[in-house]
Amino acid sequence: MTTKVEITIRPSAEHPDYLTIHDAMQQVLDVFVALRGGITEEFDWRLVSATTNSPLTIVGEFFPTQDFPPAVIASASHMVVGAYQALEDALAGDEPVGDIDLHVVKRLLARNLNGIGLTEIRMEGQPLVAINPERAHRALDVFKAAGLASAPKRVRGSLEGELVYAGSYRKQPALRLRERTKGRILWCRIPEEYEGRFAEATSLDDVWRDARVRLRGWIEYSRSGEIAGMSAEGIQRIKPRDISPTALRDPGFTEGLESVNYLDKLRDGDLG
């Protein structure tokens, strides 16, 4: 699983011709540090390309510095995506739920209020993250204790997706799920009383193979209405069904008409 990130730094509108090397380079460095999440030193960012003019644009690729099995590399890459989503959450005015160094994030956000006008971050397969002064102000407010919601909204329900990691979150056993509808990677905590149930129902093989599952429990929502995570109470594997082409074929679907004639009648509303 290859993860590339492109970072573009632009000067402020008030001073379009003034962007210091120190601010630009430190901003790029802080973004890459923040996106490491909780990953250890066995992984790093490899320089892919860099511009030599303004705006400064640098592309980095996440890679292991040692030989690891593909499953370990994929798990680390998923954590990078989680950190990216945590940055998105903060910019949307929500408390970040992924693993991310908040001290580094505050530092790069503050730099967008003094010297840098726009920081654009692009990750393959993810929405663009654009940090301007207005969004930086909003995100910094999120980190103030008085501005955080006391608790997320909780609703009983189920989430379906692929298991991508098994570990712990905030000192509690948890699974990471790539949710089916939006592709967001979510932490699904497992309360102590349900640990045995999950231990019997799942295995590391499910994580390594990104098994599709359905988790049941309390779904937690952020203030903006996004799914923020789950307190999971049960798990069910979803096995894909083998459907043969013969089962999908319906010779009588067009009622004996040629396909072109059938489509003409369909467009004209002449089908009974």
Foldseek 3Di string as FASTA:
>chain_A
DKKKKKKWFAWAPVCRPDADPVLLVLLVVLVQQFLQFPPDPQKHWAWDDWDPDPRTMTMTMIDGNDDDPPLVVQLSVLLSLLSVVQLVQLLVLWHRLGRGDVVSVLVSLVSLVPTTAWMWMDMPPDDIDIRGNVSSVSSVLSPDPVSHDPFFDKDWDKFKFFWADWDDDPNFTWTWGLTDPRRRTATAGEDPVQPVVVVVVDDVVSNSVRFIKMFTAIFGAIPVGHTHHYHTRHMGTDDDDDDDPVNVDDVCPQVPDDPVVSVVCVVVVNDD
